[in-house]
C-alpha atoms as a PDB file:
ATOM      1  CA  MET A   1       6.766  10.791 -13.096  1.00  0.00           C
ATOM      2  CA  ARG A   2       5.491   8.246 -15.602  1.00  0.00           C
ATOM      3  CA  GLN A   3       6.675   5.495 -13.260  1.00  0.00           C
ATOM      4  CA  ALA A   4       4.745   7.045 -10.363  1.00  0.00           C
ATOM      5  CA  GLY A   5       1.672   7.179 -12.584  1.00  0.00           C
ATOM      6  CA  ARG A   6       2.078   3.478 -13.346  1.00  0.00           C
ATOM      7  CA  GLY A   7       2.188   2.829  -9.583  1.00  0.00           C
ATOM      8  CA  LYS A   8      -1.175   4.542  -9.120  1.00  0.00           C
ATOM      9  CA  LYS A   9      -2.643   2.573 -12.033  1.00  0.00           C
ATOM     10  CA  ARG A  10      -1.288  -0.625 -10.476  1.00  0.00           C
ATOM     11  CA  ARG A  11      -3.061   0.076  -7.174  1.00  0.00           C
ATOM     12  CA  LEU A  12      -6.276   0.934  -9.014  1.00  0.00           C
ATOM     13  CA  ARG A  13      -6.023  -2.224 -11.123  1.00  0.00           C
ATOM     14  CA  LEU A  14      -5.635  -4.372  -8.012  1.00  0.00           C
ATOM     15  CA  ILE A  15      -8.672  -2.816  -6.402  1.00  0.00           C
ATOM     16  CA  ILE A  16     -10.779  -3.190  -9.561  1.00  0.00           C
ATOM     17  CA  ARG A  17      -9.625  -6.744 -10.164  1.00  0.00           C
ATOM     18  CA  TYR A  18     -10.733  -7.979  -6.770  1.00  0.00           C
ATOM     19  CA  GLY A  19     -13.866  -5.962  -6.209  1.00  0.00           C
ATOM     20  CA  ILE A  20     -17.332  -5.198  -7.520  1.00  0.00           C
ATOM     21  CA  THR A  21     -19.421  -2.067  -7.290  1.00  0.00           C
ATOM     22  CA  ILE A  22     -23.104  -1.450  -6.682  1.00  0.00           C
ATOM     23  CA  ARG A  23     -23.337  -0.296 -10.292  1.00  0.00           C
ATOM     24  CA  ASP A  24     -23.646  -3.999 -11.119  1.00  0.00           C
ATOM     25  CA  MET A  25     -27.017  -4.024  -9.304  1.00  0.00           C
ATOM     26  CA  PRO A  26     -30.387  -2.926 -10.681  1.00  0.00           C
ATOM     27  CA  ASN A  27     -31.090   0.778 -10.221  1.00  0.00           C
ATOM     28  CA  SER A  28     -34.089   0.072  -8.019  1.00  0.00           C
ATOM     29  CA  LEU A  29     -31.846  -1.600  -5.437  1.00  0.00           C
ATOM     30  CA  GLN A  30     -28.927   0.819  -5.341  1.00  0.00           C
ATOM     31  CA  THR A  31     -30.537   3.208  -2.863  1.00  0.00           C
ATOM     32  CA  GLN A  32     -31.549   0.324  -0.591  1.00  0.00           C
ATOM     33  CA  VAL A  33     -28.046  -1.139  -0.679  1.00  0.00           C
ATOM     34  CA  LYS A  34     -26.483   2.217   0.204  1.00  0.00           C
ATOM     35  CA  GLU A  35     -28.867   2.595   3.129  1.00  0.00           C
ATOM     36  CA  PHE A  36     -28.169  -0.927   4.290  1.00  0.00           C
ATOM     37  CA  CYS A  37     -24.386  -0.448   4.072  1.00  0.00           C
ATOM     38  CA  ALA A  38     -24.678   2.756   6.089  1.00  0.00           C
ATOM     39  CA  ALA A  39     -26.390   0.759   8.847  1.00  0.00           C
ATOM     40  CA  ALA A  40     -24.142  -2.274   8.592  1.00  0.00           C
ATOM     41  CA  ILE A  41     -20.807  -0.423   8.899  1.00  0.00           C
ATOM     42  CA  GLN A  42     -21.689   1.064  12.262  1.00  0.00           C
ATOM     43  CA  PRO A  43     -19.352   0.286  15.196  1.00  0.00           C
ATOM     44  CA  PHE A  44     -21.579  -2.693  16.068  1.00  0.00           C
ATOM     45  CA  SER A  45     -19.776  -4.950  13.601  1.00  0.00           C
ATOM     46  CA  TYR A  46     -17.250  -7.547  14.732  1.00  0.00           C
ATOM     47  CA  ASN A  47     -15.001 -10.049  12.984  1.00  0.00           C
ATOM     48  CA  ILE A  48     -15.690 -13.271  14.908  1.00  0.00           C
ATOM     49  CA  LEU A  49     -13.980 -15.830  12.676  1.00  0.00           C
ATOM     50  CA  LYS A  50     -11.593 -15.820   9.723  1.00  0.00           C
ATOM     51  CA  ASN A  51     -14.330 -15.116   7.184  1.00  0.00           C
ATOM     52  CA  ALA A  52     -17.329 -14.398   9.386  1.00  0.00           C
ATOM     53  CA  TYR A  53     -18.648 -11.143  10.754  1.00  0.00           C
ATOM     54  CA  ILE A  54     -21.413 -10.372  13.215  1.00  0.00           C
ATOM     55  CA  TRP A  55     -23.322  -7.113  13.024  1.00  0.00           C
ATOM     56  CA  PHE A  56     -26.584  -5.545  14.015  1.00  0.00           C
ATOM     57  CA  GLY A  57     -28.506  -2.463  13.029  1.00  0.00           C
ATOM     58  CA  VAL A  58     -31.984  -1.342  12.113  1.00  0.00           C
ATOM     59  CA  SER A  59     -32.678  -2.396   8.525  1.00  0.00           C
ATOM     60  CA  TRP A  60     -35.352  -4.487   6.790  1.00  0.00           C
ATOM     61  CA  GLY A  61     -36.514  -5.595   3.389  1.00  0.00           C
ATOM     62  CA  LEU A  62     -33.446  -6.457   1.341  1.00  0.00           C
ATOM     63  CA  PRO A  63     -33.078  -9.787  -0.424  1.00  0.00           C
ATOM     64  CA  ILE A  64     -30.419 -11.958   1.210  1.00  0.00           C
ATOM     65  CA  PRO A  65     -28.067 -12.173  -1.835  1.00  0.00           C
ATOM     66  CA  ILE A  66     -27.973  -8.372  -2.138  1.00  0.00           C
ATOM     67  CA  VAL A  67     -27.253  -8.000   1.579  1.00  0.00           C
ATOM     68  CA  THR A  68     -24.441 -10.522   1.397  1.00  0.00           C
ATOM     69  CA  ILE A  69     -22.724  -9.024  -1.619  1.00  0.00           C
ATOM     70  CA  SER A  70     -23.011  -5.441  -0.441  1.00  0.00           C
ATOM     71  CA  LEU A  71     -21.450  -6.230   2.926  1.00  0.00           C
ATOM     72  CA  HIS A  72     -18.676  -8.455   1.633  1.00  0.00           C
ATOM     73  CA  TYR A  73     -16.840  -5.666  -0.153  1.00  0.00           C
ATOM     74  CA  LEU A  74     -13.717  -7.810  -0.702  1.00  0.00           C
ATOM     75  CA  LEU A  75     -15.736 -10.168  -2.864  1.00  0.00           C
ATOM     76  CA  LEU A  76     -13.670 -11.940  -5.507  1.00  0.00           C
ATOM     77  CA  SER A  77     -15.056 -12.593  -8.945  1.00  0.00           C
ATOM     78  CA  ALA A  78     -14.452 -15.767 -10.912  1.00  0.00           C
ATOM     79  CA  THR A  79     -12.964 -13.864 -13.838  1.00  0.00           C
ATOM     80  CA  GLY A  80     -10.662 -11.600 -11.830  1.00  0.00           C
ATOM     81  CA  SER A  81     -12.467  -8.439 -12.957  1.00  0.00           C
ATOM     82  CA  THR A  82     -15.651  -6.545 -12.270  1.00  0.00           C
ATOM     83  CA  THR A  83     -18.521  -8.944 -12.925  1.00  0.00           C
ATOM     84  CA  ALA A  84     -22.287  -8.751 -12.974  1.00  0.00           C
ATOM     85  CA  MET A  85     -23.975  -9.757  -9.742  1.00  0.00           C
ATOM     86  CA  LEU A  86     -25.723 -12.825 -11.200  1.00  0.00           C
ATOM     87  CA  GLU A  87     -22.428 -14.167 -12.501  1.00  0.00           C
ATOM     88  CA  ILE A  88     -20.924 -13.731  -9.028  1.00  0.00           C
ATOM     89  CA  LEU A  89     -23.766 -15.698  -7.488  1.00  0.00           C
ATOM     90  CA  SER A  90     -23.412 -18.509 -10.010  1.00  0.00           C
ATOM     91  CA  THR A  91     -19.688 -19.101  -9.504  1.00  0.00           C
ATOM     92  CA  PRO A  92     -18.886 -22.391  -7.739  1.00  0.00           C
ATOM     93  CA  LEU A  93     -15.718 -20.895  -6.286  1.00  0.00           C
ATOM     94  CA  GLN A  94     -17.516 -19.003  -3.530  1.00  0.00           C
ATOM     95  CA  TRP A  95     -20.791 -19.064  -1.670  1.00  0.00           C
ATOM     96  CA  PHE A  96     -22.309 -17.033   1.116  1.00  0.00           C
ATOM     97  CA  PHE A  97     -24.411 -17.469   4.189  1.00  0.00           C
ATOM     98  CA  LEU A  98     -26.420 -14.953   6.199  1.00  0.00           C
ATOM     99  CA  ILE A  99     -28.476 -15.423   9.357  1.00  0.00           C
ATOM    100  CA  HIS A 100     -30.615 -12.450  10.321  1.00  0.00           C
ATOM    101  CA  PRO A 101     -33.105 -12.895  13.158  1.00  0.00           C
ATOM    102  CA  VAL A 102     -35.170  -9.864  14.150  1.00  0.00           C
ATOM    103  CA  ILE A 103     -35.166  -9.262  17.916  1.00  0.00           C
ATOM    104  CA  PHE A 104     -37.153  -6.401  19.428  1.00  0.00           C
ATOM    105  CA  GLY A 105     -37.314  -4.605  16.104  1.00  0.00           C
ATOM    106  CA  THR A 106     -33.544  -4.791  15.541  1.00  0.00           C
ATOM    107  CA  LEU A 107     -31.979  -6.812  12.753  1.00  0.00           C
ATOM    108  CA  PHE A 108     -29.095  -8.963  13.971  1.00  0.00           C
ATOM    109  CA  GLY A 109     -26.979 -10.828  11.495  1.00  0.00           C
ATOM    110  CA  ILE A 110     -24.086 -13.186  11.035  1.00  0.00           C
ATOM    111  CA  LEU A 111     -22.478 -12.775   7.654  1.00  0.00           C
ATOM    112  CA  GLY A 112     -19.812 -15.079   6.295  1.00  0.00           C
ATOM    113  CA  THR A 113     -18.201 -16.392   3.158  1.00  0.00           C
ATOM    114  CA  VAL A 114     -16.699 -19.725   2.278  1.00  0.00           C
ATOM    115  CA  ARG A 115     -13.917 -19.624  -0.316  1.00  0.00           C
ATOM    116  CA  LYS A 116     -11.696 -22.287  -1.797  1.00  0.00           C
ATOM    117  CA  GLU A 117      -8.428 -21.192  -3.322  1.00  0.00           C
ATOM    118  CA  LYS A 118      -9.500 -17.537  -3.221  1.00  0.00           C
ATOM    119  CA  ASP A 119      -8.183 -16.987   0.319  1.00  0.00           C
ATOM    120  CA  ARG A 120      -4.631 -17.267  -0.968  1.00  0.00           C
ATOM    121  CA  GLN A 121      -5.352 -14.634  -3.621  1.00  0.00           C
ATOM    122  CA  VAL A 122      -6.786 -12.289  -0.995  1.00  0.00           C
ATOM    123  CA  ALA A 123      -3.644 -12.710   1.119  1.00  0.00           C
ATOM    124  CA  GLN A 124      -1.464 -11.940  -1.902  1.00  0.00           C
ATOM    125  CA  LEU A 125      -3.585  -8.896  -2.734  1.00  0.00           C
ATOM    126  CA  ILE A 126      -3.316  -7.542   0.805  1.00  0.00           C
ATOM    127  CA  GLU A 127       0.448  -8.093   0.805  1.00  0.00           C
ATOM    128  CA  GLU A 128       0.852  -6.274  -2.524  1.00  0.00           C
ATOM    129  CA  LEU A 129      -1.273  -3.338  -1.366  1.00  0.00           C
ATOM    130  CA  GLN A 130       0.689  -3.115   1.894  1.00  0.00           C
ATOM    131  CA  ILE A 131       3.969  -2.993  -0.012  1.00  0.00           C
ATOM    132  CA  LEU A 132       2.626  -0.367  -2.410  1.00  0.00           C
ATOM    133  CA  SER A 133       1.488   1.755   0.530  1.00  0.00           C
ATOM    134  CA  ILE A 134       4.997   2.025   2.045  1.00  0.00           C
ATOM    135  CA  ARG A 135       7.286   1.892  -0.994  1.00  0.00           C
ATOM    136  CA  ASP A 136       8.223   4.509  -3.548  1.00  0.00           C
ATOM    137  CA  PRO A 137       6.995   3.014  -6.844  1.00  0.00           C
ATOM    138  CA  LEU A 138       9.999   4.163  -8.870  1.00  0.00           C
ATOM    139  CA  THR A 139      12.976   3.336  -6.623  1.00  0.00           C
ATOM    140  CA  GLY A 140      11.583   0.677  -4.290  1.00  0.00           C
ATOM    141  CA  LEU A 141      12.857   2.611  -1.268  1.00  0.00           C
ATOM    142  CA  SER A 142      10.588   3.537   1.613  1.00  0.00           C
ATOM    143  CA  ASN A 143       8.267   6.427   0.808  1.00  0.00           C
ATOM    144  CA  ARG A 144       7.831   9.522   2.942  1.00  0.00           C
ATOM    145  CA  ARG A 145       4.941   7.999   4.886  1.00  0.00           C
ATOM    146  CA  ASP A 146       6.891   4.876   5.849  1.00  0.00           C
ATOM    147  CA  PHE A 147       9.975   6.910   6.710  1.00  0.00           C
ATOM    148  CA  THR A 148       7.972   9.244   8.945  1.00  0.00           C
ATOM    149  CA  HIS A 149       6.650   6.259  10.901  1.00  0.00           C
ATOM    150  CA  ALA A 150      10.152   4.756  11.212  1.00  0.00           C
ATOM    151  CA  PHE A 151      11.539   8.110  12.387  1.00  0.00           C
ATOM    152  CA  ALA A 152       8.808   8.455  15.021  1.00  0.00           C
ATOM    153  CA  ASP A 153       9.533   4.927  16.274  1.00  0.00           C
ATOM    154  CA  GLU A 154      13.244   5.662  16.566  1.00  0.00           C
ATOM    155  CA  LEU A 155      12.606   8.927  18.425  1.00  0.00           C
ATOM    156  CA  ALA A 156      10.429   7.017  20.874  1.00  0.00           C
ATOM    157  CA  ARG A 157      13.154   4.392  21.278  1.00  0.00           C
ATOM    158  CA  ILE A 158      15.986   6.817  22.014  1.00  0.00           C
ATOM    159  CA  SER A 159      13.761   8.715  24.462  1.00  0.00           C
ATOM    160  CA  ARG A 160      13.532   5.494  26.521  1.00  0.00           C
ATOM    161  CA  LYS A 161      17.178   4.470  26.134  1.00  0.00           C
ATOM    162  CA  GLU A 162      20.476   6.271  25.876  1.00  0.00           C
ATOM    163  CA  ALA A 163      21.091   5.595  22.197  1.00  0.00           C
ATOM    164  CA  SER A 164      22.441   7.513  19.225  1.00  0.00           C
ATOM    165  CA  LEU A 165      20.517   8.290  16.056  1.00  0.00           C
ATOM    166  CA  SER A 166      21.677   9.987  12.864  1.00  0.00           C
ATOM    167  CA  LEU A 167      19.720  11.357   9.931  1.00  0.00           C
ATOM    168  CA  ILE A 168      21.291  11.940   6.510  1.00  0.00           C
ATOM    169  CA  PHE A 169      19.820  14.076   3.729  1.00  0.00           C
ATOM    170  CA  ALA A 170      21.073  13.521   0.177  1.00  0.00           C
ATOM    171  CA  ASP A 171      20.271  15.525  -2.955  1.00  0.00           C
ATOM    172  CA  LEU A 172      21.419  14.724  -6.492  1.00  0.00           C
ATOM    173  CA  ASP A 173      23.246  17.681  -8.019  1.00  0.00           C
ATOM    174  CA  HIS A 174      21.897  19.330 -11.186  1.00  0.00           C
ATOM    175  CA  PHE A 175      19.149  16.760 -11.606  1.00  0.00           C
ATOM    176  CA  LYS A 176      16.963  19.127 -13.642  1.00  0.00           C
ATOM    177  CA  ARG A 177      19.813  19.419 -16.141  1.00  0.00           C
ATOM    178  CA  ILE A 178      19.900  15.626 -16.470  1.00  0.00           C
ATOM    179  CA  ASN A 179      16.180  15.558 -17.294  1.00  0.00           C
ATOM    180  CA  ASP A 180      16.495  18.467 -19.725  1.00  0.00           C
ATOM    181  CA  ASN A 181      19.553  17.092 -21.553  1.00  0.00           C
ATOM    182  CA  HIS A 182      18.835  13.368 -21.539  1.00  0.00           C
ATOM    183  CA  GLY A 183      15.099  13.025 -21.027  1.00  0.00           C
ATOM    184  CA  HIS A 184      12.941  11.996 -18.092  1.00  0.00           C
ATOM    185  CA  HIS A 185      13.395   8.287 -18.790  1.00  0.00           C
ATOM    186  CA  VAL A 186      17.146   8.705 -18.169  1.00  0.00           C
ATOM    187  CA  GLY A 187      16.360  10.755 -15.070  1.00  0.00           C
ATOM    188  CA  ASP A 188      14.269   7.855 -13.785  1.00  0.00           C
ATOM    189  CA  GLU A 189      17.175   5.460 -14.363  1.00  0.00           C
ATOM    190  CA  VAL A 190      19.487   7.793 -12.411  1.00  0.00           C
ATOM    191  CA  LEU A 191      17.058   7.842  -9.486  1.00  0.00           C
ATOM    192  CA  LYS A 192      16.726   4.051  -9.489  1.00  0.00           C
ATOM    193  CA  ALA A 193      20.489   3.515  -9.710  1.00  0.00           C
ATOM    194  CA  THR A 194      21.112   6.042  -6.922  1.00  0.00           C
ATOM    195  CA  ALA A 195      18.528   4.311  -4.715  1.00  0.00           C
ATOM    196  CA  ALA A 196      20.229   0.951  -5.301  1.00  0.00           C
ATOM    197  CA  HIS A 197      23.589   2.490  -4.417  1.00  0.00           C
ATOM    198  CA  LEU A 198      22.251   3.956  -1.173  1.00  0.00           C
ATOM    199  CA  ARG A 199      20.569   0.677  -0.272  1.00  0.00           C
ATOM    200  CA  SER A 200      23.812  -1.246  -0.773  1.00  0.00           C
ATOM    201  CA  TYR A 201      25.445   0.724   2.048  1.00  0.00           C
ATOM    202  CA  CYS A 202      22.548   0.427   4.495  1.00  0.00           C
ATOM    203  CA  ARG A 203      22.449  -2.084   7.309  1.00  0.00           C
ATOM    204  CA  PRO A 204      19.334  -4.255   7.761  1.00  0.00           C
ATOM    205  CA  TYR A 205      17.943  -1.916  10.422  1.00  0.00           C
ATOM    206  CA  ASP A 206      18.657   1.356   8.562  1.00  0.00           C
ATOM    207  CA  THR A 207      15.870   3.072   6.627  1.00  0.00           C
ATOM    208  CA  ALA A 208      16.564   4.644   3.235  1.00  0.00           C
ATOM    209  CA  ALA A 209      13.715   6.594   1.658  1.00  0.00           C
ATOM    210  CA  ARG A 210      12.971   8.796  -1.297  1.00  0.00           C
ATOM    211  CA  TRP A 211      11.812  12.050   0.232  1.00  0.00           C
ATOM    212  CA  GLY A 212      10.658  13.556  -3.040  1.00  0.00           C
ATOM    213  CA  GLY A 213      12.037  14.354  -6.485  1.00  0.00           C
ATOM    214  CA  GLU A 214      15.803  13.797  -6.373  1.00  0.00           C
ATOM    215  CA  GLU A 215      15.974  14.012  -2.556  1.00  0.00           C
ATOM    216  CA  PHE A 216      16.742  11.023  -0.327  1.00  0.00           C
ATOM    217  CA  VAL A 217      16.949  10.499   3.428  1.00  0.00           C
ATOM    218  CA  ILE A 218      18.637   7.761   5.438  1.00  0.00           C
ATOM    219  CA  LEU A 219      17.877   6.977   9.065  1.00  0.00           C
ATOM    220  CA  LEU A 220      20.815   5.420  10.944  1.00  0.00           C
ATOM    221  CA  PRO A 221      19.952   3.999  14.387  1.00  0.00           C
ATOM    222  CA  ASN A 222      22.781   3.479  16.878  1.00  0.00           C
ATOM    223  CA  THR A 223      25.038   5.738  14.815  1.00  0.00           C
ATOM    224  CA  ASP A 224      26.838   8.769  16.232  1.00  0.00           C
ATOM    225  CA  GLU A 225      27.823  11.912  14.333  1.00  0.00           C
ATOM    226  CA  LEU A 226      31.325  10.739  13.389  1.00  0.00           C
ATOM    227  CA  GLU A 227      30.069   7.400  12.088  1.00  0.00           C
ATOM    228  CA  ALA A 228      27.344   9.158  10.096  1.00  0.00           C
ATOM    229  CA  GLU A 229      29.913  11.478   8.497  1.00  0.00           C
ATOM    230  CA  ARG A 230      32.020   8.502   7.428  1.00  0.00           C
ATOM    231  CA  PHE A 231      28.941   6.742   6.068  1.00  0.00           C
ATOM    232  CA  ALA A 232      27.934   9.820   4.042  1.00  0.00           C
ATOM    233  CA  GLU A 233      31.434  10.317   2.682  1.00  0.00           C
ATOM    234  CA  ARG A 234      31.662   6.703   1.474  1.00  0.00           C
ATOM    235  CA  ILE A 235      28.400   7.160  -0.439  1.00  0.00           C
ATOM    236  CA  ARG A 236      29.534  10.446  -1.952  1.00  0.00           C
ATOM    237  CA  LEU A 237      32.931   9.155  -3.087  1.00  0.00           C
ATOM    238  CA  THR A 238      31.640   5.916  -4.585  1.00  0.00           C
ATOM    239  CA  LEU A 239      28.457   7.180  -6.248  1.00  0.00           C
ATOM    240  CA  HIS A 240      29.865   7.643  -9.739  1.00  0.00           C
ATOM    241  CA  GLU A 241      31.577   4.243  -9.654  1.00  0.00           C
ATOM    242  CA  GLY A 242      28.413   2.606  -8.357  1.00  0.00           C
ATOM    243  CA  LEU A 243      26.276   4.135 -11.120  1.00  0.00           C
ATOM    244  CA  ALA A 244      28.832   3.664 -13.916  1.00  0.00           C
ATOM    245  CA  PRO A 245      27.458   0.344 -15.280  1.00  0.00           C
ATOM    246  CA  THR A 246      24.079   1.921 -16.113  1.00  0.00           C
ATOM    247  CA  ILE A 247      24.713   5.693 -16.188  1.00  0.00           C
ATOM    248  CA  PRO A 248      27.402   6.739 -18.724  1.00  0.00           C
ATOM    249  CA  PHE A 249      27.948  10.280 -17.424  1.00  0.00           C
ATOM    250  CA  PRO A 250      29.242  11.535 -14.040  1.00  0.00           C
ATOM    251  CA  ILE A 251      26.734  12.019 -11.206  1.00  0.00           C
ATOM    252  CA  THR A 252      27.435  13.876  -7.983  1.00  0.00           C
ATOM    253  CA  ILE A 253      25.436  14.132  -4.787  1.00  0.00           C
ATOM    254  CA  SER A 254      25.315  16.566  -1.868  1.00  0.00           C
ATOM    255  CA  ILE A 255      24.971  14.945   1.547  1.00  0.00           C
ATOM    256  CA  GLY A 256      24.541  16.439   4.980  1.00  0.00           C
END
């Protein structure tokens, strides 16, 4: 559970590191910025280039730097942490442009940013967040959300083609006793070692996931019932041997 908590802190740290909040702005402008953002995030907003967006909505009266920063919510700071607005504006690593003609009482705008090396950091951030969104933070296996999507895709595939599909459920035996007798840190090591053991038997197109607690599921495309039984039995018989280098006591697993 501590490991899962660290995963949540990691996601929060990534978001804080690469973002700013309107709390950095003077109080007198916060209400205006909120109103402007409400107008700017309407469906009439389109990504026209890599770092340029076009939008339109009814809104007047905000200074251009405030408009730019409030819309560009993926703004990167020079220090890699939350930074005051004036410091953001003074950094040479990034600058902004905004064109906002008023036509028939409607504010149209083209908003963009020009970054130097920061684009690579944004790409890395997005990749890390994508991985965190589909992986169990403790074991590195797929999480329930990712597994559910993979299962839905496979069901759609076999409905179009005559193909086999097997689903295996696995549950570590007496896991609560392991936590009680050896501590939760040892329980975490058992879960990680079990996940590695399951992964070692999976083919590239199989999906192994932590379903919750000490429960695991494995999705086996193009695998009939007999093949799935053999697969499950190999895992069951070799689990203790596979965990022996890191776990000094016997571990058993129920699979069906």
